[in-house]
Amino acid sequence: TPSDAWLARHRFGHMHSPSKLRRYLREHDAALAARSSESDLRWAGSYQRRSPHALINVLWARQLEAAERRRKSSSLYTRNIRAALEAGRDSLEEERRRERGELTAELAPPRPPSASPPQLEPFPPF
C-alpha cells in the first residue's frame, strides 16, 4: 500500500490510507478501530480491493464523484474490513494462494466444508 501522502494526492482507483480507514472504523465500530493495528488496516484495505482477474476501470473523475454521492464509503469499508479481519489473514491468504494455483493439492491443507471466504460487499455500479 502506498504512503498516506501519496494516497491523499491520488485518491481515485487506489486504496485509502490506514489513517482514513481508522476514521471510518471509529465512525461505525469504535471497538474494531481500537483493536486493529495499522498492519491489519493496510492488509484488510488491500484485500477488499483485490480481484481474481485483472481489470482496468476507465472512468472520469466526475463519474467517480457521482458514485461517491450514492454510497456511504465509511460504512462500506467498515463492513468489508470487519468481514476480512473476522475471517482472518491466514485463512484468506491461504484462499488467495489456492485461487491463484500457488498451492498444490499435496501442499494445501484441506478446507473445512463450512469454511468459505467472507462475502465482501461489492462497490455499487454507476
Foldseek 3Di string as FASTA:
>chain_A
DDDQVVCVVVPPPDFHQLVVLLVLCCVPPVVCSVPADSVLSVVLRVVVVDDLDDDDDDDDPVVVVVLPVVDPVSVLSNVSSVQDVVLPDVNVVLVVCVSVVVADPVRRDDDPPVDDRGDRDDRDDD
